[in-house]
Amino acid sequence: MSPIPSPLTSGTRQRARVTAGCLTTALALLTLTACGGPDGGGKAADAAPGPSALADAKKPVTVTLWHGLGNPAGQALQNEIDRFNKANTGKIVVKASFQGSYADAIAKYTSAIRSGGTPSVMISNDITSGYLRDAGQTVSAQDMAAANPKDLDLDKLRPAARNYYTADGKLLAVPLNTSMPLLYVNDKLLDRAKVDRSTLGTLAGVAAAARKIHAALPGVKGIDQPLDGWWFEQLTAAAGVPYCTPDNGRTSGGATALSLTSGPQRTAFGTMAKLYTGGVGLDTGDDGNAALSAFAAGRTGMMFNSSGAIGGLSEAGMKGYSALPYPLSGPPSTAGAAIGGAAMWVNRPGHSAAEQVAAWKLISHLASPEAQERFAKASGYAPINTDVNNSPTWKAFLARNEPYAVLDKQFADTPATTATSGCLTGAMQGVRDAVVPEMQQAFSGKKPLDSALRAAQGAATAKIKDYREQAGQ
């Protein structure tokens, strides 16, 4: 989930535009783009290096790491790096560098590709996964794990997190931190409106409850949420259908178009849009903090927001609320929430075999159950290693913090399917930039929903096609 002091600034909601050097400036202002396509950009065809590469090193190996994690997540990360450095004194030295926001970090990384100065490890947010795959600078986590079997066991990664960073059946990067959407409810307002919480597991049930709240308490809106791109992707995943075709961009060839007009999506979007056009939903724009503030002030009875809002509500001093799983409109076997957050990528060109293995050992440490438990408690993100479930101290933490327990269970219960993997394309920022204004018009009643969906689908598909053409795909 997003960092507690800035709970709504995870990579899934970054607004900054980043350029990609080798493509036209006009396109790069709207999309994260690749240099040379999936087979270019310096990708080497040789096998991933194994333990001997590090064992043969004549002096301590320096590993550089770039990230966009602010405090407390950034401090929690540094604490783990300090712990790793101490344990590997005389063998590995990790130098971490905060690069600003996720968008700032990927912009600097893109420049570094051209200059040959990429870091050993790049921690980058979910939205940049398609670009990093296409840029061809990294060696896959799948290959590194196979070459170094005594380090990280990939089977220990939570399926939902592993699924997001997988394409063509191969894990590209190791997730470090994950967030998920949740439904937050004001317990007192729901009791006054006599809302049955057992009905809130489906989107239709949430919509009915929102209307009931507003009817019983005219001064209170039923629900609010940030109207940014992540949430239309969540509605799609929870409907059990892909957001882009074919197969959410997870198979050979990648995504070629956006899908917004399928029946399940139309039903889900329509369910939410009617709440807003009918005066039941409170429009707080695309700012997640504005949605949180309205909910904390009692202006709405329910809220969709990132799991990072748990920390934000705590900071706001709100009491008497509950966090519930994100509701589904599709079958539980295929539908669910899509994750947000960031993952760790090992860079290859310009980095020795010893450096790559040392980088993998760092990643293995950061993804270990012990490090993930410490990091989760300090940062507010969900742990990605399933062995954390066996920790008595983690179980005790969840018993004391019910919202985190809800998140933990949702993360574990989310099926690893095509729908929940999210759309993998290097044009993802451009896709969001195309979708959001159209959907905001639909939710405000300024444009019919079907017209907005068709317009958004066409504009976003054009972004994907432009990206593919420029990237030589």
Protein backbone atom coordinates (compact mmCIF):
# COMPACT_ATOMS: atom_id res chain seq x y z
CA MET A 1 0.00 0.00 0.00
CA SER A 2 1.11 3.58 -0.29
CA PRO A 3 3.36 5.19 2.32
CA ILE A 4 1.48 6.30 5.41
CA PRO A 5 2.47 10.01 5.44
CA SER A 6 1.66 10.31 1.74
CA PRO A 7 -0.86 7.51 1.39
CA LEU A 8 -2.17 8.43 -2.00
CA THR A 9 0.98 9.11 -3.97
CA SER A 10 1.86 5.58 -4.99
CA GLY A 11 3.10 5.07 -8.51
CA THR A 12 -0.34 4.16 -9.72
CA ARG A 13 -1.38 7.76 -9.46
CA GLN A 14 1.62 9.69 -10.63
CA ARG A 15 0.68 12.57 -12.91
CA ALA A 16 4.08 13.75 -14.09
CA ARG A 17 5.00 13.14 -17.71
CA VAL A 18 8.30 11.50 -18.44
CA THR A 19 10.28 11.45 -21.63
CA ALA A 20 12.00 8.53 -23.26
CA GLY A 21 14.74 10.09 -25.34
CA CYS A 22 14.66 7.92 -28.41
CA LEU A 23 11.06 8.76 -29.38
CA THR A 24 9.41 11.99 -30.39
CA THR A 25 8.93 14.59 -27.68
CA ALA A 26 5.21 14.93 -28.36
CA LEU A 27 4.59 11.26 -27.78
CA ALA A 28 6.98 11.01 -24.86
CA LEU A 29 5.14 13.76 -23.01
CA LEU A 30 2.16 11.46 -22.87
CA THR A 31 3.67 7.99 -22.63
CA LEU A 32 6.58 6.08 -21.23
CA THR A 33 8.26 4.73 -24.32
CA ALA A 34 10.93 2.27 -25.23
CA CYS A 35 14.27 2.57 -26.96
CA GLY A 36 14.49 -0.07 -29.62
CA GLY A 37 11.64 -2.40 -28.67
CA PRO A 38 11.68 -5.61 -26.69
CA ASP A 39 14.71 -7.05 -28.48
CA GLY A 40 16.73 -3.83 -28.48
CA GLY A 41 17.96 -1.35 -25.95
CA GLY A 42 21.04 -3.37 -25.04
CA LYS A 43 19.36 -6.59 -23.95
CA ALA A 44 21.90 -9.41 -23.90
CA ALA A 45 20.99 -12.92 -24.98
CA ASP A 46 23.45 -14.73 -22.69
CA ALA A 47 22.32 -16.55 -19.57
CA ALA A 48 21.93 -14.84 -16.22
CA PRO A 49 25.09 -15.03 -14.07
CA GLY A 50 25.29 -17.43 -11.13
CA PRO A 51 26.98 -17.46 -7.70
CA SER A 52 30.49 -18.05 -9.06
CA ALA A 53 30.52 -14.60 -10.65
CA LEU A 54 30.32 -13.00 -7.21
CA ALA A 55 32.54 -15.56 -5.51
CA ASP A 56 35.33 -14.82 -8.00
CA ALA A 57 35.24 -11.06 -7.37
CA LYS A 58 38.64 -9.80 -6.16
CA LYS A 59 37.26 -6.88 -4.17
CA PRO A 60 33.94 -5.74 -2.66
CA VAL A 61 31.25 -5.28 -5.31
CA THR A 62 29.36 -1.98 -5.36
CA VAL A 63 25.63 -2.08 -6.11
CA THR A 64 23.79 1.13 -6.92
CA LEU A 65 20.05 1.39 -6.34
CA TRP A 66 17.61 4.10 -7.46
CA HIS A 67 14.15 4.52 -5.98
CA GLY A 68 11.27 6.93 -5.60
CA LEU A 69 10.13 5.98 -2.11
CA GLY A 70 9.66 8.85 0.30
CA ASN A 71 9.54 8.59 4.08
CA PRO A 72 8.70 6.43 5.96
CA ALA A 73 8.97 3.87 3.14
CA GLY A 74 12.27 5.37 2.02
CA GLN A 75 13.68 5.17 5.53
CA ALA A 76 12.42 1.59 5.92
CA LEU A 77 14.17 0.72 2.66
CA GLN A 78 17.40 2.35 3.81
CA ASN A 79 17.22 0.49 7.11
CA GLU A 80 17.09 -2.81 5.24
CA ILE A 81 19.97 -1.75 2.99
CA ASP A 82 22.03 -0.86 6.06
CA ARG A 83 21.24 -4.26 7.53
CA PHE A 84 22.26 -5.95 4.26
CA ASN A 85 25.51 -3.97 4.04
CA LYS A 86 26.46 -4.93 7.58
CA ALA A 87 25.79 -8.61 6.88
CA ASN A 88 27.89 -8.44 3.70
CA THR A 89 30.82 -6.36 4.94
CA GLY A 90 33.85 -6.86 2.74
CA LYS A 91 31.80 -8.47 -0.04
CA ILE A 92 29.00 -6.12 -1.19
CA VAL A 93 28.41 -2.40 -0.71
CA VAL A 94 24.96 -1.04 -1.64
CA LYS A 95 24.58 2.67 -2.34
CA ALA A 96 20.94 3.75 -2.53
CA SER A 97 19.81 7.03 -4.03
CA PHE A 98 16.38 8.68 -3.76
CA GLN A 99 15.43 10.11 -7.15
CA GLY A 100 12.31 12.05 -6.22
CA SER A 101 8.91 10.81 -7.36
CA TYR A 102 8.50 7.61 -9.33
CA ALA A 103 8.05 9.76 -12.43
CA ASP A 104 11.27 11.65 -11.70
CA ALA A 105 13.11 8.38 -11.17
CA ILE A 106 12.00 6.82 -14.47
CA ALA A 107 12.83 10.04 -16.33
CA LYS A 108 16.37 9.93 -14.96
CA TYR A 109 16.59 6.23 -15.76
CA THR A 110 15.57 6.90 -19.37
CA SER A 111 18.33 9.47 -19.66
CA ALA A 112 20.76 7.01 -18.09
CA ILE A 113 19.99 4.44 -20.78
CA ARG A 114 21.35 6.86 -23.37
CA SER A 115 24.41 7.75 -21.29
CA GLY A 116 25.13 4.20 -20.13
CA GLY A 117 24.75 5.03 -16.45
CA THR A 118 21.81 2.96 -15.24
CA PRO A 119 21.81 1.73 -11.63
CA SER A 120 22.41 -1.89 -10.69
CA VAL A 121 18.87 -2.07 -9.28
CA MET A 122 15.94 0.10 -10.36
CA ILE A 123 12.90 0.28 -8.11
CA SER A 124 10.08 1.52 -10.31
CA ASN A 125 6.32 1.70 -10.00
CA ASP A 126 3.78 -0.59 -11.59
CA ILE A 127 2.82 1.75 -14.42
CA THR A 128 6.36 1.68 -15.84
CA SER A 129 6.54 -2.11 -16.15
CA GLY A 130 5.69 -2.16 -19.85
CA TYR A 131 8.34 0.44 -20.61
CA LEU A 132 11.02 -1.35 -18.60
CA ARG A 133 10.22 -4.60 -20.37
CA ASP A 134 10.42 -2.96 -23.77
CA ALA A 135 13.56 -0.94 -23.04
CA GLY A 136 15.54 -4.20 -22.89
CA GLN A 137 17.95 -3.10 -20.16
CA THR A 138 17.14 -5.69 -17.54
CA VAL A 139 17.64 -9.38 -16.88
CA SER A 140 14.45 -11.07 -15.75
CA ALA A 141 13.88 -12.07 -12.15
CA GLN A 142 12.93 -15.52 -13.44
CA ASP A 143 16.36 -15.98 -15.01
CA MET A 144 18.24 -14.59 -12.01
CA ALA A 145 16.36 -16.89 -9.65
CA ALA A 146 17.06 -19.92 -11.83
CA ALA A 147 20.78 -19.09 -11.96
CA ASN A 148 20.96 -18.47 -8.20
CA PRO A 149 18.71 -21.14 -6.65
CA LYS A 150 19.94 -20.64 -3.09
CA ASP A 151 18.66 -17.08 -2.94
CA LEU A 152 15.03 -15.99 -3.41
CA ASP A 153 12.36 -18.67 -3.90
CA LEU A 154 9.92 -17.08 -6.34
CA ASP A 155 7.19 -19.47 -5.25
CA LYS A 156 7.13 -17.58 -1.96
CA LEU A 157 5.92 -14.38 -3.65
CA ARG A 158 2.20 -13.73 -3.33
CA PRO A 159 0.47 -14.89 -6.52
CA ALA A 160 -1.33 -11.57 -7.10
CA ALA A 161 1.93 -9.63 -6.88
CA ARG A 162 3.90 -12.10 -8.95
CA ASN A 163 1.13 -12.17 -11.55
CA TYR A 164 1.30 -8.41 -12.09
CA TYR A 165 5.00 -8.44 -13.02
CA THR A 166 4.80 -11.51 -15.26
CA ALA A 167 4.66 -11.59 -19.07
CA ASP A 168 4.90 -14.61 -21.37
CA GLY A 169 5.01 -16.79 -18.26
CA LYS A 170 8.22 -15.18 -16.98
CA LEU A 171 8.60 -12.99 -13.89
CA LEU A 172 10.24 -9.75 -15.02
CA ALA A 173 10.87 -8.08 -11.66
CA VAL A 174 10.45 -8.76 -7.95
CA PRO A 175 7.73 -6.70 -6.23
CA LEU A 176 8.96 -4.73 -3.23
CA ASN A 177 5.84 -2.97 -2.03
CA THR A 178 2.19 -3.44 -2.90
CA SER A 179 -1.00 -1.51 -2.40
CA MET A 180 -4.59 -2.50 -3.18
CA PRO A 181 -7.93 -0.73 -3.34
CA LEU A 182 -10.28 -1.07 -0.37
CA LEU A 183 -13.78 0.02 0.59
CA TYR A 184 -13.86 2.23 3.69
CA VAL A 185 -17.10 2.70 5.62
CA ASN A 186 -18.12 5.10 8.38
CA ASP A 187 -19.54 2.69 10.94
CA LYS A 188 -21.79 5.24 12.67
CA LEU A 189 -23.32 6.54 9.45
CA LEU A 190 -23.94 3.01 8.14
CA ASP A 191 -25.65 2.09 11.42
CA ARG A 192 -27.86 5.18 11.26
CA ALA A 193 -28.85 4.29 7.69
CA LYS A 194 -29.40 0.64 8.70
CA VAL A 195 -26.99 -0.69 6.05
CA ASP A 196 -26.35 -4.43 6.18
CA ARG A 197 -22.58 -4.85 5.78
CA SER A 198 -23.02 -8.34 4.38
CA THR A 199 -24.31 -6.72 1.18
CA LEU A 200 -21.08 -4.79 0.56
CA GLY A 201 -19.15 -7.59 -1.12
CA THR A 202 -20.55 -6.72 -4.54
CA LEU A 203 -20.54 -3.47 -6.48
CA ALA A 204 -24.33 -3.61 -6.80
CA GLY A 205 -24.59 -3.99 -3.04
CA VAL A 206 -22.32 -1.01 -2.45
CA ALA A 207 -24.37 1.12 -4.86
CA ALA A 208 -27.60 0.18 -3.09
CA ALA A 209 -26.02 1.01 0.28
CA ALA A 210 -24.83 4.39 -1.01
CA ARG A 211 -28.37 5.27 -2.06
CA LYS A 212 -29.71 4.12 1.28
CA ILE A 213 -27.21 6.28 3.17
CA HIS A 214 -28.01 9.39 1.15
CA ALA A 215 -31.77 8.82 1.47
CA ALA A 216 -31.60 8.32 5.23
CA LEU A 217 -29.08 11.13 5.79
CA PRO A 218 -29.73 13.83 3.17
CA GLY A 219 -26.72 15.89 4.25
CA VAL A 220 -24.39 12.98 3.64
CA LYS A 221 -23.36 11.57 0.28
CA GLY A 222 -23.27 7.82 -0.09
CA ILE A 223 -19.74 7.43 -1.44
CA ASP A 224 -16.68 9.13 -2.88
CA GLN A 225 -13.51 8.00 -4.63
CA PRO A 226 -10.63 9.51 -6.60
CA LEU A 227 -11.69 9.75 -10.23
CA ASP A 228 -8.27 8.90 -11.64
CA GLY A 229 -7.17 6.19 -14.04
CA TRP A 230 -6.35 3.54 -11.47
CA TRP A 231 -9.97 3.26 -10.42
CA PHE A 232 -11.35 2.54 -13.87
CA GLU A 233 -8.74 -0.20 -14.11
CA GLN A 234 -9.92 -1.52 -10.74
CA LEU A 235 -13.56 -1.59 -11.84
CA THR A 236 -12.46 -3.58 -14.88
CA ALA A 237 -10.38 -6.09 -12.89
CA ALA A 238 -13.22 -6.52 -10.40
CA ALA A 239 -15.54 -7.24 -13.33
CA GLY A 240 -13.23 -10.09 -14.34
CA VAL A 241 -12.28 -8.83 -17.80
CA PRO A 242 -9.04 -7.50 -19.35
CA TYR A 243 -8.42 -3.77 -19.63
CA CYS A 244 -6.38 -4.13 -22.81
CA THR A 245 -6.22 -6.70 -25.56
CA PRO A 246 -5.05 -9.26 -26.16
CA ASP A 247 -4.74 -10.83 -22.71
CA ASN A 248 -3.93 -7.57 -20.91
CA GLY A 249 -0.68 -7.39 -22.90
CA ARG A 250 0.74 -10.41 -21.09
CA THR A 251 1.47 -12.61 -24.09
CA SER A 252 3.80 -12.33 -27.08
CA GLY A 253 3.24 -9.17 -29.08
CA GLY A 254 1.94 -7.13 -26.16
CA ALA A 255 -1.16 -4.96 -25.90
CA THR A 256 -2.56 -3.57 -29.13
CA ALA A 257 -5.74 -1.84 -27.95
CA LEU A 258 -7.70 -0.73 -24.90
CA SER A 259 -10.96 -2.43 -24.01
CA LEU A 260 -13.57 -0.30 -22.25
CA THR A 261 -16.86 -1.28 -23.85
CA SER A 262 -17.36 -4.93 -22.88
CA GLY A 263 -20.64 -5.81 -21.19
CA PRO A 264 -19.16 -6.37 -17.71
CA GLN A 265 -17.25 -3.08 -17.89
CA ARG A 266 -20.30 -1.18 -19.13
CA THR A 267 -22.29 -2.52 -16.19
CA ALA A 268 -19.61 -1.67 -13.62
CA PHE A 269 -18.92 1.81 -14.95
CA GLY A 270 -22.64 2.46 -15.27
CA THR A 271 -23.27 1.40 -11.68
CA MET A 272 -20.80 3.96 -10.38
CA ALA A 273 -21.63 6.71 -12.88
CA LYS A 274 -25.31 6.63 -11.87
CA LEU A 275 -24.35 7.33 -8.26
CA TYR A 276 -22.60 10.52 -9.30
CA THR A 277 -25.11 11.72 -11.88
CA GLY A 278 -27.87 10.97 -9.37
CA GLY A 279 -26.29 13.09 -6.63
CA VAL A 280 -25.44 10.13 -4.42
CA GLY A 281 -21.69 10.22 -5.01
CA LEU A 282 -19.46 13.14 -4.00
CA ASP A 283 -17.12 14.27 -6.79
CA THR A 284 -13.77 15.17 -5.26
CA GLY A 285 -11.88 15.05 -8.58
CA ASP A 286 -8.81 12.93 -9.11
CA ASP A 287 -7.13 13.81 -5.81
CA GLY A 288 -7.16 10.85 -3.44
CA ASN A 289 -6.39 13.10 -0.48
CA ALA A 290 -9.52 15.16 -1.22
CA ALA A 291 -11.60 11.98 -1.19
CA LEU A 292 -9.99 10.96 2.10
CA SER A 293 -10.60 14.35 3.69
CA ALA A 294 -14.29 14.30 2.74
CA PHE A 295 -14.74 10.82 4.16
CA ALA A 296 -12.85 11.66 7.37
CA ALA A 297 -15.05 14.73 7.82
CA GLY A 298 -18.22 12.61 7.65
CA ARG A 299 -19.38 14.08 4.35
CA THR A 300 -19.64 10.60 2.82
CA GLY A 301 -20.66 7.28 4.31
CA MET A 302 -18.28 5.16 2.21
CA MET A 303 -15.11 5.62 0.20
CA PHE A 304 -13.08 3.72 -2.35
CA ASN A 305 -9.41 4.46 -1.82
CA SER A 306 -5.95 2.93 -1.79
CA SER A 307 -4.97 0.71 1.10
CA GLY A 308 -2.56 3.52 1.91
CA ALA A 309 -5.55 5.49 3.14
CA ILE A 310 -5.40 3.42 6.33
CA GLY A 311 -2.44 5.51 7.34
CA GLY A 312 -4.01 8.70 6.03
CA LEU A 313 -7.14 8.18 8.11
CA SER A 314 -5.00 7.52 11.15
CA GLU A 315 -3.14 10.77 10.55
CA ALA A 316 -6.48 12.56 10.19
CA GLY A 317 -7.50 11.20 13.60
CA MET A 318 -10.56 9.39 12.28
CA LYS A 319 -12.12 6.81 14.54
CA GLY A 320 -15.08 4.52 13.97
CA TYR A 321 -14.41 3.37 10.46
CA SER A 322 -13.91 -0.06 8.95
CA ALA A 323 -11.97 -1.22 5.93
CA LEU A 324 -13.64 -3.86 3.76
CA PRO A 325 -12.49 -5.78 0.67
CA TYR A 326 -12.91 -4.09 -2.69
CA PRO A 327 -16.31 -5.23 -4.04
CA LEU A 328 -16.63 -7.41 -7.12
CA SER A 329 -19.03 -7.29 -10.02
CA GLY A 330 -17.60 -10.38 -11.71
CA PRO A 331 -17.12 -14.00 -10.64
CA PRO A 332 -14.76 -14.49 -7.67
CA SER A 333 -12.82 -17.12 -9.60
CA THR A 334 -11.57 -14.59 -12.16
CA ALA A 335 -12.32 -11.14 -10.75
CA GLY A 336 -10.49 -9.16 -8.10
CA ALA A 337 -8.44 -6.09 -7.33
CA ALA A 338 -5.26 -5.21 -9.21
CA ILE A 339 -2.21 -4.23 -7.20
CA GLY A 340 -0.27 -0.99 -7.16
CA GLY A 341 3.19 -0.29 -5.83
CA ALA A 342 6.68 -0.89 -7.19
CA ALA A 343 9.13 -3.65 -8.12
CA MET A 344 12.89 -4.25 -8.25
CA TRP A 345 14.63 -4.68 -11.62
CA VAL A 346 18.20 -5.92 -12.22
CA ASN A 347 19.99 -4.00 -14.95
CA ARG A 348 22.41 -5.77 -17.29
CA PRO A 349 24.19 -3.53 -19.88
CA GLY A 350 27.20 -1.85 -18.27
CA HIS A 351 27.00 -3.98 -15.14
CA SER A 352 29.40 -6.86 -14.49
CA ALA A 353 28.22 -10.39 -13.80
CA ALA A 354 29.42 -10.02 -10.20
CA GLU A 355 27.40 -6.81 -9.82
CA GLN A 356 24.26 -8.47 -11.20
CA VAL A 357 24.56 -11.36 -8.74
CA ALA A 358 25.21 -8.94 -5.87
CA ALA A 359 22.14 -6.95 -6.96
CA TRP A 360 20.10 -10.16 -6.93
CA LYS A 361 21.30 -10.97 -3.41
CA LEU A 362 20.11 -7.53 -2.30
CA ILE A 363 16.73 -8.07 -3.94
CA SER A 364 16.50 -11.50 -2.32
CA HIS A 365 17.09 -9.89 1.06
CA LEU A 366 14.52 -7.15 0.49
CA ALA A 367 11.94 -9.75 -0.56
CA SER A 368 12.69 -12.10 2.35
CA PRO A 369 9.94 -12.66 4.94
CA GLU A 370 11.94 -11.01 7.72
CA ALA A 371 12.68 -7.87 5.71
CA GLN A 372 9.17 -7.72 4.28
CA GLU A 373 7.60 -7.86 7.73
CA ARG A 374 9.82 -5.07 9.01
CA PHE A 375 9.27 -3.01 5.88
CA ALA A 376 5.48 -3.49 5.95
CA LYS A 377 5.16 -2.43 9.57
CA ALA A 378 7.33 0.64 9.05
CA SER A 379 5.97 1.76 5.68
CA GLY A 380 2.33 0.66 5.58
CA TYR A 381 2.72 -1.50 2.47
CA ALA A 382 1.55 -5.10 2.32
CA PRO A 383 4.25 -7.80 2.57
CA ILE A 384 4.81 -9.76 -0.64
CA ASN A 385 6.39 -12.91 0.83
CA THR A 386 3.88 -15.56 1.89
CA ASP A 387 6.17 -16.82 4.66
CA VAL A 388 5.29 -13.65 6.58
CA ASN A 389 1.95 -15.35 7.24
CA ASN A 390 3.72 -17.80 9.56
CA SER A 391 5.31 -15.10 11.70
CA PRO A 392 3.85 -14.85 15.24
CA THR A 393 4.77 -11.17 15.41
CA TRP A 394 2.97 -10.46 12.12
CA LYS A 395 -0.10 -12.34 13.33
CA ALA A 396 -0.06 -10.26 16.50
CA PHE A 397 0.26 -7.07 14.45
CA LEU A 398 -2.77 -8.00 12.33
CA ALA A 399 -4.78 -8.80 15.46
CA ARG A 400 -4.13 -5.26 16.70
CA ASN A 401 -4.74 -3.59 13.34
CA GLU A 402 -7.95 -4.85 11.74
CA PRO A 403 -7.76 -2.75 8.53
CA TYR A 404 -4.35 -4.27 7.79
CA ALA A 405 -5.80 -7.73 8.41
CA VAL A 406 -8.51 -7.03 5.81
CA LEU A 407 -5.87 -5.94 3.32
CA ASP A 408 -3.74 -8.97 4.10
CA LYS A 409 -6.65 -11.34 3.50
CA GLN A 410 -7.73 -9.61 0.29
CA PHE A 411 -4.18 -9.82 -1.02
CA ALA A 412 -4.05 -13.53 -0.25
CA ASP A 413 -7.52 -14.22 -1.69
CA THR A 414 -7.12 -12.32 -4.96
CA PRO A 415 -6.92 -14.81 -7.85
CA ALA A 416 -3.92 -14.56 -10.15
CA THR A 417 -5.85 -14.20 -13.42
CA THR A 418 -5.55 -12.25 -16.64
CA ALA A 419 -8.08 -9.71 -15.36
CA THR A 420 -6.26 -9.03 -12.09
CA SER A 421 -2.82 -8.78 -13.75
CA GLY A 422 -3.64 -5.32 -15.11
CA CYS A 423 -2.72 -3.92 -18.51
CA LEU A 424 0.97 -4.19 -19.43
CA THR A 425 1.96 -1.60 -22.01
CA GLY A 426 4.63 1.04 -22.29
CA ALA A 427 1.86 3.46 -23.24
CA MET A 428 0.11 3.19 -19.88
CA GLN A 429 0.48 6.82 -18.87
CA GLY A 430 -0.92 7.90 -22.22
CA VAL A 431 -3.79 5.45 -21.75
CA ARG A 432 -4.67 7.01 -18.42
CA ASP A 433 -4.40 10.50 -19.81
CA ALA A 434 -6.91 9.54 -22.51
CA VAL A 435 -9.36 7.71 -20.27
CA VAL A 436 -9.67 10.01 -17.27
CA PRO A 437 -11.15 13.17 -18.85
CA GLU A 438 -13.75 11.16 -20.76
CA MET A 439 -14.82 9.24 -17.68
CA GLN A 440 -14.92 12.38 -15.58
CA GLN A 441 -17.34 13.86 -18.10
CA ALA A 442 -19.49 10.74 -17.88
CA PHE A 443 -19.50 10.77 -14.08
CA SER A 444 -20.42 14.45 -14.02
CA GLY A 445 -23.29 13.90 -16.44
CA LYS A 446 -21.77 16.11 -19.13
CA LYS A 447 -21.49 13.23 -21.58
CA PRO A 448 -23.45 9.99 -22.04
CA LEU A 449 -21.57 7.04 -20.60
CA ASP A 450 -21.50 5.02 -23.81
CA SER A 451 -20.17 7.98 -25.79
CA ALA A 452 -17.47 8.57 -23.18
CA LEU A 453 -16.47 4.91 -23.17
CA ARG A 454 -16.16 4.78 -26.94
CA ALA A 455 -14.20 8.03 -27.05
CA ALA A 456 -11.85 6.93 -24.26
CA GLN A 457 -11.31 3.53 -25.84
CA GLY A 458 -10.50 5.08 -29.20
CA ALA A 459 -8.14 7.72 -27.81
CA ALA A 460 -6.31 5.25 -25.57
CA THR A 461 -6.00 2.69 -28.36
CA ALA A 462 -4.43 5.40 -30.52
CA LYS A 463 -1.87 6.02 -27.75
CA ILE A 464 -1.00 2.32 -27.68
CA LYS A 465 -0.69 2.17 -31.46
CA ASP A 466 1.51 5.28 -31.55
CA TYR A 467 3.72 3.81 -28.87
CA ARG A 468 4.06 0.51 -30.68
CA GLU A 469 4.91 2.25 -33.94
CA GLN A 470 7.52 4.47 -32.35
CA ALA A 471 8.97 1.52 -30.41
CA GLY A 472 9.19 -0.61 -33.53
CA GLN A 473 6.75 -3.24 -32.33
